Amino acid sequence: MTYVIAQPCIDVVDRACVDECPVDCIYEGERALYIHPDECVDCGACEPVCPVEAIYYEDDLPTEFMPYLQDNADFFFETLSGREDPLDSPGGAAKFGAIGADTPLVASHPPQV
């Protein structure tokens, strides 16, 4: 099981969860943050600090945000595959900084104001 970052994070990208994560498993895309499913240790430290309540434990993910479960995994295993600097797990988000890419689901989402 893992934690998932859902739609409320799009265009917010508040890094409080990144700062709180003890294992450095939250990566920054262009418009959203993503939790690496293989690196997350299910500690839950990220969830209470999210100002927009975008982080959910996988089993508690509301139905309307279910697509984001696969989307978080897709960010690592599809969107970033073939990069010159692949994210080998455990990679550690800090060494990558902002990646500047998003999944098709996040990229196609209308801008949030």
C-alpha atoms as a PDB file:
ATOM      1  CA  MET A   1       0.000   0.000   0.000  1.00  0.00           C
ATOM      2  CA  THR A   2       1.019   3.597  -0.485  1.00  0.00           C
ATOM      3  CA  TYR A   3      -0.121   7.170  -0.241  1.00  0.00           C
ATOM      4  CA  VAL A   4      -1.431   8.944  -3.341  1.00  0.00           C
ATOM      5  CA  ILE A   5      -1.493  12.595  -4.372  1.00  0.00           C
ATOM      6  CA  ALA A   6      -4.743  13.450  -6.145  1.00  0.00           C
ATOM      7  CA  GLN A   7      -6.293  16.249  -8.235  1.00  0.00           C
ATOM      8  CA  PRO A   8      -6.359  18.999  -5.550  1.00  0.00           C
ATOM      9  CA  CYS A   9      -2.546  19.253  -5.851  1.00  0.00           C
ATOM     10  CA  ILE A  10      -2.638  20.209  -9.533  1.00  0.00           C
ATOM     11  CA  ASP A  11      -1.308  23.758  -9.979  1.00  0.00           C
ATOM     12  CA  VAL A  12      -0.828  24.121  -6.214  1.00  0.00           C
ATOM     13  CA  VAL A  13       2.393  22.102  -5.719  1.00  0.00           C
ATOM     14  CA  ASP A  14       2.780  23.092  -2.077  1.00  0.00           C
ATOM     15  CA  ARG A  15       5.968  21.427  -0.889  1.00  0.00           C
ATOM     16  CA  ALA A  16       5.033  21.013   2.791  1.00  0.00           C
ATOM     17  CA  CYS A  17       4.633  17.279   2.190  1.00  0.00           C
ATOM     18  CA  VAL A  18       8.054  17.094   0.533  1.00  0.00           C
ATOM     19  CA  ASP A  19       9.653  18.749   3.548  1.00  0.00           C
ATOM     20  CA  GLU A  20       7.853  16.367   5.926  1.00  0.00           C
ATOM     21  CA  CYS A  21       8.597  13.116   4.084  1.00  0.00           C
ATOM     22  CA  PRO A  22      11.320  11.189   5.957  1.00  0.00           C
ATOM     23  CA  VAL A  23      12.232   8.992   2.971  1.00  0.00           C
ATOM     24  CA  ASP A  24      12.309  11.628   0.204  1.00  0.00           C
ATOM     25  CA  CYS A  25       9.745   9.834  -1.992  1.00  0.00           C
ATOM     26  CA  ILE A  26       7.662  12.806  -3.182  1.00  0.00           C
ATOM     27  CA  TYR A  27       8.737  14.053  -6.597  1.00  0.00           C
ATOM     28  CA  GLU A  28       7.825  17.345  -8.242  1.00  0.00           C
ATOM     29  CA  GLY A  29       6.382  17.302 -11.725  1.00  0.00           C
ATOM     30  CA  GLU A  30       5.510  20.430 -13.682  1.00  0.00           C
ATOM     31  CA  ARG A  31       1.988  20.918 -12.299  1.00  0.00           C
ATOM     32  CA  ALA A  32       1.708  18.369  -9.480  1.00  0.00           C
ATOM     33  CA  LEU A  33       3.593  16.270  -6.954  1.00  0.00           C
ATOM     34  CA  TYR A  34       3.803  12.474  -7.128  1.00  0.00           C
ATOM     35  CA  ILE A  35       4.539   9.816  -4.491  1.00  0.00           C
ATOM     36  CA  HIS A  36       6.764   6.978  -5.661  1.00  0.00           C
ATOM     37  CA  PRO A  37       4.845   3.769  -4.826  1.00  0.00           C
ATOM     38  CA  ASP A  38       8.013   1.701  -4.296  1.00  0.00           C
ATOM     39  CA  GLU A  39       9.708   4.259  -2.059  1.00  0.00           C
ATOM     40  CA  CYS A  40       6.779   5.273   0.174  1.00  0.00           C
ATOM     41  CA  VAL A  41       6.995   3.598   3.595  1.00  0.00           C
ATOM     42  CA  ASP A  42       3.383   4.416   4.511  1.00  0.00           C
ATOM     43  CA  CYS A  43       4.363   6.589   7.478  1.00  0.00           C
ATOM     44  CA  GLY A  44       1.597   9.121   6.766  1.00  0.00           C
ATOM     45  CA  ALA A  45       3.709  12.162   7.666  1.00  0.00           C
ATOM     46  CA  CYS A  46       2.778  13.886   4.403  1.00  0.00           C
ATOM     47  CA  GLU A  47      -1.000  13.640   4.733  1.00  0.00           C
ATOM     48  CA  PRO A  48      -1.714  16.062   7.613  1.00  0.00           C
ATOM     49  CA  VAL A  49       0.558  18.823   6.284  1.00  0.00           C
ATOM     50  CA  CYS A  50      -1.066  19.032   2.841  1.00  0.00           C
ATOM     51  CA  PRO A  51      -2.897  22.388   2.744  1.00  0.00           C
ATOM     52  CA  VAL A  52      -5.347  21.271   0.040  1.00  0.00           C
ATOM     53  CA  GLU A  53      -6.035  17.743   1.349  1.00  0.00           C
ATOM     54  CA  ALA A  54      -4.731  16.109  -1.815  1.00  0.00           C
ATOM     55  CA  ILE A  55      -2.940  13.180  -0.125  1.00  0.00           C
ATOM     56  CA  TYR A  56      -4.776   9.979   0.698  1.00  0.00           C
ATOM     57  CA  TYR A  57      -3.870   6.529   1.875  1.00  0.00           C
ATOM     58  CA  GLU A  58      -4.558   4.191  -1.038  1.00  0.00           C
ATOM     59  CA  ASP A  59      -7.431   2.418   0.742  1.00  0.00           C
ATOM     60  CA  ASP A  60      -9.041   5.749   1.681  1.00  0.00           C
ATOM     61  CA  LEU A  61      -8.894   7.337  -1.771  1.00  0.00           C
ATOM     62  CA  PRO A  62     -12.310   8.817  -2.672  1.00  0.00           C
ATOM     63  CA  THR A  63     -13.926   7.312  -5.749  1.00  0.00           C
ATOM     64  CA  GLU A  64     -13.568  10.512  -7.789  1.00  0.00           C
ATOM     65  CA  PHE A  65      -9.791  10.417  -7.236  1.00  0.00           C
ATOM     66  CA  MET A  66      -9.259   6.699  -8.018  1.00  0.00           C
ATOM     67  CA  PRO A  67      -7.587   7.471 -11.380  1.00  0.00           C
ATOM     68  CA  TYR A  68      -4.771   9.162  -9.442  1.00  0.00           C
ATOM     69  CA  LEU A  69      -3.709   5.871  -7.852  1.00  0.00           C
ATOM     70  CA  GLN A  70      -2.526   4.534 -11.190  1.00  0.00           C
ATOM     71  CA  ASP A  71      -1.483   8.025 -12.243  1.00  0.00           C
ATOM     72  CA  ASN A  72       1.102   8.295  -9.439  1.00  0.00           C
ATOM     73  CA  ALA A  73       2.654   4.998 -10.545  1.00  0.00           C
ATOM     74  CA  ASP A  74       2.464   5.992 -14.216  1.00  0.00           C
ATOM     75  CA  PHE A  75       4.522   9.099 -13.488  1.00  0.00           C
ATOM     76  CA  PHE A  76       7.476   6.904 -12.544  1.00  0.00           C
ATOM     77  CA  PHE A  77       7.011   3.876 -14.758  1.00  0.00           C
ATOM     78  CA  GLU A  78       5.694   5.474 -17.969  1.00  0.00           C
ATOM     79  CA  THR A  79       6.063   9.268 -18.063  1.00  0.00           C
ATOM     80  CA  LEU A  80       9.693   9.164 -16.965  1.00  0.00           C
ATOM     81  CA  SER A  81      10.762   5.975 -18.699  1.00  0.00           C
ATOM     82  CA  GLY A  82      13.442   6.525 -21.289  1.00  0.00           C
ATOM     83  CA  ARG A  83      14.844   9.637 -19.622  1.00  0.00           C
ATOM     84  CA  GLU A  84      18.598  10.208 -19.658  1.00  0.00           C
ATOM     85  CA  ASP A  85      18.508  10.287 -15.850  1.00  0.00           C
ATOM     86  CA  PRO A  86      16.051   7.503 -14.973  1.00  0.00           C
ATOM     87  CA  LEU A  87      14.581   7.404 -11.501  1.00  0.00           C
ATOM     88  CA  ASP A  88      16.031   4.197 -10.164  1.00  0.00           C
ATOM     89  CA  SER A  89      14.266   3.249  -6.960  1.00  0.00           C
ATOM     90  CA  PRO A  90      15.131   4.261  -4.369  1.00  0.00           C
ATOM     91  CA  GLY A  91      16.095   7.439  -6.126  1.00  0.00           C
ATOM     92  CA  GLY A  92      15.515  10.166  -3.596  1.00  0.00           C
ATOM     93  CA  ALA A  93      13.489  13.092  -4.870  1.00  0.00           C
ATOM     94  CA  ALA A  94      15.863  15.788  -3.585  1.00  0.00           C
ATOM     95  CA  LYS A  95      18.613  14.937  -6.046  1.00  0.00           C
ATOM     96  CA  PHE A  96      16.226  15.364  -8.990  1.00  0.00           C
ATOM     97  CA  GLY A  97      14.517  18.617  -8.047  1.00  0.00           C
ATOM     98  CA  ALA A  98      11.598  19.699 -10.214  1.00  0.00           C
ATOM     99  CA  ILE A  99      11.321  17.230 -13.075  1.00  0.00           C
ATOM    100  CA  GLY A 100       9.278  19.384 -15.438  1.00  0.00           C
ATOM    101  CA  ALA A 101       7.015  16.608 -16.715  1.00  0.00           C
ATOM    102  CA  ASP A 102       3.561  15.362 -15.810  1.00  0.00           C
ATOM    103  CA  THR A 103       1.371  12.404 -16.596  1.00  0.00           C
ATOM    104  CA  PRO A 104      -1.195  12.799 -19.376  1.00  0.00           C
ATOM    105  CA  LEU A 105      -3.968  12.907 -16.736  1.00  0.00           C
ATOM    106  CA  VAL A 106      -2.411  15.873 -14.930  1.00  0.00           C
ATOM    107  CA  ALA A 107      -1.250  17.612 -18.115  1.00  0.00           C
ATOM    108  CA  SER A 108      -4.745  17.455 -19.610  1.00  0.00           C
ATOM    109  CA  HIS A 109      -6.439  18.831 -16.506  1.00  0.00           C
ATOM    110  CA  PRO A 110      -7.743  22.407 -16.959  1.00  0.00           C
ATOM    111  CA  PRO A 111      -5.625  24.993 -15.121  1.00  0.00           C
ATOM    112  CA  GLN A 112      -6.737  25.560 -11.549  1.00  0.00           C
ATOM    113  CA  VAL A 113      -6.809  29.151 -10.492  1.00  0.00           C
END
